[in-house]
N, C-alpha and C. Protein backbone atom coordinates (compact mmCIF):
# COMPACT_ATOMS: atom_id res chain seq x y z
N UNK A 1 -2.30 -3.05 -9.72
CA UNK A 1 -2.65 -4.12 -10.63
C UNK A 1 -1.47 -4.81 -10.97
N UNK A 2 -0.22 -4.34 -11.07
CA UNK A 2 0.96 -5.06 -11.46
C UNK A 2 1.18 -6.05 -10.34
N UNK A 3 1.05 -5.66 -9.01
CA UNK A 3 1.32 -6.63 -7.97
C UNK A 3 0.49 -7.85 -8.03
N UNK A 4 -0.81 -7.58 -8.19
CA UNK A 4 -1.80 -8.88 -8.45
C UNK A 4 -1.38 -9.70 -9.45
N UNK A 5 -0.96 -9.00 -10.63
CA UNK A 5 -0.40 -9.96 -11.88
C UNK A 5 0.69 -10.82 -11.53
N UNK A 6 1.63 -10.27 -10.78
CA UNK A 6 2.81 -11.02 -10.64
C UNK A 6 2.43 -12.11 -9.41
N UNK A 7 1.61 -11.88 -8.53
CA UNK A 7 1.21 -12.76 -7.61
C UNK A 7 0.23 -14.07 -8.39
N UNK A 8 -0.44 -13.63 -9.29
CA UNK A 8 -1.21 -14.47 -10.10
C UNK A 8 -0.38 -15.29 -10.99
N UNK A 9 0.81 -14.65 -11.52
CA UNK A 9 1.67 -15.51 -12.33
C UNK A 9 2.35 -16.43 -11.45
N UNK A 10 2.85 -16.04 -10.33
CA UNK A 10 3.53 -17.12 -9.52
C UNK A 10 2.59 -18.23 -9.27
N UNK A 11 1.33 -18.16 -8.75
CA UNK A 11 0.64 -19.21 -8.67
C UNK A 11 0.43 -20.06 -9.96
N UNK A 12 0.08 -19.36 -11.11
CA UNK A 12 -0.04 -20.08 -12.27
C UNK A 12 1.17 -21.01 -12.74
N UNK A 13 2.37 -20.25 -12.50
CA UNK A 13 3.64 -21.11 -12.78
C UNK A 13 3.72 -22.39 -11.92
N UNK A 14 3.40 -22.34 -10.70
CA UNK A 14 3.39 -23.47 -9.80
C UNK A 14 2.29 -24.47 -10.26
N UNK A 15 1.10 -23.92 -10.54
CA UNK A 15 -0.08 -24.82 -10.86
C UNK A 15 0.05 -25.54 -12.07
N UNK A 16 1.09 -24.96 -13.11
CA UNK A 16 1.43 -25.55 -14.30
C UNK A 16 2.52 -26.48 -14.13
N UNK A 17 3.06 -26.76 -12.98
CA UNK A 17 4.24 -27.83 -12.76
C UNK A 17 5.55 -27.22 -12.47
N UNK A 18 5.83 -25.86 -12.61
CA UNK A 18 7.04 -25.38 -12.14
C UNK A 18 7.14 -25.42 -10.44
N UNK A 19 8.37 -25.68 -10.14
CA UNK A 19 8.61 -25.77 -8.72
C UNK A 19 8.47 -24.15 -8.10
N UNK A 20 8.32 -24.05 -6.86
CA UNK A 20 8.35 -22.73 -6.18
C UNK A 20 9.58 -21.91 -6.33
N UNK A 21 10.74 -22.79 -6.12
CA UNK A 21 12.05 -22.17 -6.30
C UNK A 21 12.44 -21.72 -7.83
N UNK A 22 11.86 -22.50 -8.82
CA UNK A 22 11.99 -22.19 -10.10
C UNK A 22 11.16 -20.75 -10.51
N UNK A 23 9.89 -20.83 -9.94
CA UNK A 23 9.07 -19.58 -10.17
C UNK A 23 9.64 -18.60 -9.62
N UNK A 24 10.27 -18.49 -8.29
CA UNK A 24 10.82 -17.35 -7.76
C UNK A 24 12.03 -16.82 -8.62
N UNK A 25 12.85 -17.79 -9.04
CA UNK A 25 13.93 -17.27 -9.90
C UNK A 25 13.28 -16.54 -11.23
N UNK A 26 12.49 -17.18 -11.84
CA UNK A 26 11.75 -16.66 -13.05
C UNK A 26 11.05 -15.16 -12.80
N UNK A 27 10.58 -15.07 -11.66
CA UNK A 27 9.96 -13.83 -11.46
C UNK A 27 10.74 -12.83 -10.78
N UNK A 28 11.86 -13.19 -10.32
CA UNK A 28 12.90 -12.32 -9.67
C UNK A 28 12.40 -11.92 -8.04
N UNK A 29 11.80 -12.98 -7.54
CA UNK A 29 11.15 -12.83 -6.19
C UNK A 29 11.80 -14.02 -5.33
N UNK A 30 11.41 -13.87 -4.05
CA UNK A 30 12.03 -14.79 -3.05
C UNK A 30 11.21 -16.13 -3.26
N UNK A 31 11.69 -17.34 -2.69
CA UNK A 31 11.12 -18.35 -2.49
C UNK A 31 9.86 -18.24 -1.43
N UNK A 32 10.05 -17.49 -0.47
CA UNK A 32 9.16 -17.30 0.55
C UNK A 32 7.91 -16.38 0.01
N UNK A 33 8.10 -15.45 -1.06
CA UNK A 33 7.10 -14.76 -1.58
C UNK A 33 6.29 -15.67 -2.39
N UNK A 34 6.76 -16.40 -3.19
CA UNK A 34 6.05 -17.19 -4.19
C UNK A 34 5.30 -18.23 -3.21
N UNK A 35 5.85 -18.89 -2.13
CA UNK A 35 5.27 -19.73 -1.39
C UNK A 35 3.92 -19.17 -0.72
N UNK A 36 4.04 -17.85 -0.27
CA UNK A 36 2.95 -17.13 0.26
C UNK A 36 1.71 -17.01 -0.59
N UNK A 37 2.07 -16.55 -1.79
CA UNK A 37 0.90 -16.38 -2.78
C UNK A 37 0.43 -17.75 -3.35
N UNK A 38 1.20 -18.74 -3.48
CA UNK A 38 0.61 -20.02 -3.96
C UNK A 38 -0.30 -20.46 -2.70
N UNK A 39 0.12 -20.37 -1.41
CA UNK A 39 -0.69 -20.71 -0.49
C UNK A 39 -2.13 -19.86 -0.28
N UNK A 40 -2.02 -18.60 -0.67
CA UNK A 40 -3.25 -17.80 -0.66
C UNK A 40 -4.00 -18.15 -1.71
N UNK A 41 -3.52 -18.66 -2.98
CA UNK A 41 -4.37 -18.91 -4.01
C UNK A 41 -5.19 -20.39 -3.64
N UNK A 42 -4.37 -21.29 -2.86
CA UNK A 42 -4.95 -22.47 -2.52
C UNK A 42 -6.06 -22.17 -1.55
N UNK A 43 -5.85 -21.41 -0.72
CA UNK A 43 -6.77 -20.98 0.39
C UNK A 43 -8.09 -20.17 -0.13
N UNK A 44 -7.97 -19.68 -1.59
CA UNK A 44 -8.84 -18.91 -2.19
C UNK A 44 -9.15 -17.53 -1.49
N UNK A 45 -8.09 -17.06 -0.87
CA UNK A 45 -8.02 -15.87 -0.47
C UNK A 45 -7.71 -14.62 -1.41
N UNK A 46 -7.40 -14.77 -2.59
CA UNK A 46 -7.27 -13.86 -3.59
C UNK A 46 -5.99 -13.29 -3.52
N UNK A 47 -5.57 -12.43 -4.44
CA UNK A 47 -4.17 -11.82 -4.62
C UNK A 47 -4.11 -10.38 -4.12
N UNK A 48 -5.34 -9.78 -3.70
CA UNK A 48 -5.34 -8.42 -3.20
C UNK A 48 -4.57 -8.11 -1.75
N UNK A 49 -4.04 -6.87 -1.64
CA UNK A 49 -3.59 -6.89 -0.30
C UNK A 49 -4.63 -6.64 0.70
N UNK A 50 -4.27 -7.20 1.81
CA UNK A 50 -5.37 -7.06 3.01
C UNK A 50 -5.33 -5.68 3.67
N UNK A 51 -6.24 -5.14 4.11
CA UNK A 51 -6.18 -3.95 4.96
C UNK A 51 -5.34 -3.92 6.00
N UNK A 52 -4.52 -2.81 6.24
CA UNK A 52 -3.66 -2.91 7.33
C UNK A 52 -4.16 -1.98 8.53
N UNK A 53 -3.89 -2.53 9.58
CA UNK A 53 -4.26 -1.71 10.77
C UNK A 53 -3.34 -0.36 11.08
N UNK A 54 -3.71 0.51 11.81
CA UNK A 54 -2.86 1.55 11.98
C UNK A 54 -3.37 2.44 13.09
N UNK A 55 -2.56 3.31 13.70
CA UNK A 55 -3.09 4.14 14.63
C UNK A 55 -4.15 5.06 14.65
N UNK A 56 -5.20 5.20 15.08
CA UNK A 56 -6.29 6.15 14.66
C UNK A 56 -5.71 7.39 14.81
N UNK A 57 -6.36 8.39 14.07
CA UNK A 57 -6.03 9.79 14.28
C UNK A 57 -6.18 10.40 15.52
N UNK A 58 -5.45 11.27 16.00
CA UNK A 58 -5.56 12.00 17.41
C UNK A 58 -6.57 13.23 17.28
N UNK A 59 -6.74 13.70 16.01
CA UNK A 59 -7.64 14.78 15.81
C UNK A 59 -8.85 14.40 15.04
N UNK A 60 -9.95 15.03 15.12
CA UNK A 60 -11.23 14.79 14.46
C UNK A 60 -10.99 15.27 12.74
N UNK A 61 -11.68 14.76 11.87
CA UNK A 61 -11.59 15.19 10.60
C UNK A 61 -11.95 16.66 10.38
N UNK A 62 -12.93 17.13 11.20
CA UNK A 62 -13.28 18.62 11.08
C UNK A 62 -12.24 19.56 11.49
N UNK A 63 -11.47 19.24 12.51
CA UNK A 63 -10.42 20.01 12.98
C UNK A 63 -9.29 20.03 12.04
N UNK A 64 -9.12 18.65 11.55
CA UNK A 64 -8.00 18.68 10.43
C UNK A 64 -8.35 19.40 9.42
N UNK A 65 -9.54 19.50 8.85
CA UNK A 65 -9.93 20.36 7.81
C UNK A 65 -9.76 21.91 8.01
N UNK A 66 -10.14 22.25 9.25
CA UNK A 66 -9.92 23.57 9.68
C UNK A 66 -8.43 24.19 9.60
N UNK A 67 -7.64 23.20 10.12
CA UNK A 67 -6.17 23.51 10.07
C UNK A 67 -5.60 23.64 8.63
N UNK A 68 -5.99 22.61 7.72
CA UNK A 68 -5.59 22.74 6.33
C UNK A 68 -6.08 24.13 5.69
N UNK A 69 -7.35 24.60 6.08
CA UNK A 69 -7.90 25.75 5.64
C UNK A 69 -7.06 26.98 6.00
N UNK A 70 -6.81 26.93 7.26
CA UNK A 70 -5.95 28.09 7.78
C UNK A 70 -4.69 28.10 7.18
N UNK A 71 -4.04 27.02 6.83
CA UNK A 71 -2.58 26.99 6.14
C UNK A 71 -2.76 27.46 4.57
N UNK A 72 -3.91 27.18 4.10
CA UNK A 72 -4.13 27.54 2.78
C UNK A 72 -4.46 28.92 2.57
N UNK A 73 -5.01 29.55 3.63
CA UNK A 73 -5.56 30.93 3.47
C UNK A 73 -4.36 31.93 3.24
N UNK A 74 -4.62 32.62 2.25
CA UNK A 74 -3.35 33.70 1.88
C UNK A 74 -3.51 34.79 2.38
N UNK A 75 -4.45 35.15 3.32
CA UNK A 75 -4.76 36.47 3.85
C UNK A 75 -4.23 36.32 5.48
N UNK A 76 -3.62 35.20 5.72
CA UNK A 76 -3.15 34.93 7.20
C UNK A 76 -1.76 35.86 7.32
N UNK A 77 -1.80 36.35 8.62
CA UNK A 77 -0.46 37.16 8.94
C UNK A 77 -0.14 36.65 10.29
N UNK A 78 1.29 36.75 10.35
CA UNK A 78 2.03 36.27 11.70
C UNK A 78 1.31 37.24 12.83
N UNK A 79 1.25 36.79 14.05
CA UNK A 79 0.83 37.68 15.32
C UNK A 79 1.62 39.15 15.25
N UNK A 80 2.81 39.12 14.91
CA UNK A 80 3.60 40.26 15.05
C UNK A 80 3.55 41.08 13.80
N UNK A 81 2.63 40.88 12.89
CA UNK A 81 2.33 41.79 11.73
C UNK A 81 3.19 41.26 10.44
N UNK A 82 4.04 40.30 10.67
CA UNK A 82 4.80 39.94 9.53
C UNK A 82 3.91 39.09 8.53
N UNK A 83 4.17 39.45 7.24
CA UNK A 83 3.26 38.69 6.30
C UNK A 83 3.79 37.38 6.03
N UNK A 84 2.93 36.57 5.58
CA UNK A 84 3.37 35.06 5.37
C UNK A 84 3.95 35.17 4.14
N UNK A 85 5.28 34.32 4.14
CA UNK A 85 6.01 34.19 3.00
C UNK A 85 5.43 33.00 1.95
N UNK A 86 5.12 33.28 0.83
CA UNK A 86 4.47 32.26 -0.03
C UNK A 86 5.39 31.52 -0.81
């Protein structure tokens, strides 16, 4: 929420007559940062972060959950008979 507030403040300052460089100084941000959010407001894109892409997981959710359950299981023992250190 704080990020959205700062972004909205930058746009509001510029909308009310302050220059982008001055708004950047006032908010402790770069000129480019202010310019980006003023432009997004003009385009009516909003101030929220857009979803970012990322590499898909290599294992299925079910397999991931099984691994987590095995790691959390307190009765697990090392194959050589050594007990798990907690």
